[in-house]
Amino acid sequence: MPFHRIEDYQSHRFNPHLSTAEGPVIEGQYLYFRIVTKRAGTGSTLHYHPNELMTFPLEGKINLCVGRERRIVPPGTFVHIPPFARHQFMATEDGDMRYLYIKDRTWTLIGAAADEALPERALSAIEVKRDIAEGRYPGQEKDAEKSQAILDGLGNCFYPMISSLDAPPSSGHDEHWVEGTHLAFGFVESPSGHAMRCPEALHEIFFYVISGALDAEVDGERRRASVGDIIQVPRGKAYALTAAEGGNTRYAGVRSTERLEAHIDRNGAADNWRG
């Protein structure tokens, strides 16, 4: 199914031992696509995971740490969390925050505290939920020396894409992309009528409509995607996007990379809540 509304999916809290984050998940072949909410003044402890994470705030502000650097991040700024990078997301006290959350499927959606070793294998959310219900805390023994969290040498992980999500429209079609190890993120603005067509997607892609609307076609199925709609393009499928008449359209895109595809094609994808 190429078209989604996040409201149609059950909300989950996958890391109750580490974070207050809650939200649905759409599982692709190579990546997880989520929209996550954290209530004002709540968030996560310092933690890490082997898979790459890309985030883009939609509402509220994030008190965010990557490695040793901490910033207040508003909507419009993309944040890249490299594999194993230590990080923490906190909603500021002045309101809830809501953000796009995309992880590759080389690991599950379960992280590890910054002062503990990773488990020998990736845990599923079902296992974590069961262990908590049975009184077994799912974390590892605290030993910072066994942690694989990376604090230094991460480079700049903060990328301002636009001053605010309600900023005046650009004069023409404009794209900004950041490619990491396993994932790439793009922020796109298109004027009315701008069209793009791809006969065969080289990578798995998700698009999220931030403002305006897109007339979208994926593998022969057509839909007008409005604010909040998600478009999923499987690798190898044809797709087309046309900015609807009547105004500028803004949307975010995220895709897999050749390195991620090769890894998962060879080793399989991690489970997220099953098993």
Foldseek 3Di string as FASTA:
>chain_A
DFKDFQVVFDKDDQEPVFWPWIGGWDDDQWKIKTKIKDWAFTWGAWWFAQWKKKKAWQDAWWQKDWQHDTDIHGGQKIFTHHGLITMITHGHNPTMTIMIMMITQQAAPYIAHQQAADPPHHDASQVCVVCVVVVHHPYHPGHNVRGSHHRDDPPDGMGRRDPHLPDDADPAWDKDWDDDQWKMKMKIKHWAFDKDKDAFAQWKKKKAWQAAWKFKAKQRDTDIGHHSMMGIHHGGIIMMIGGHPDGMTIMMMMTTDPNSVVVCVVVNGHDHHDD
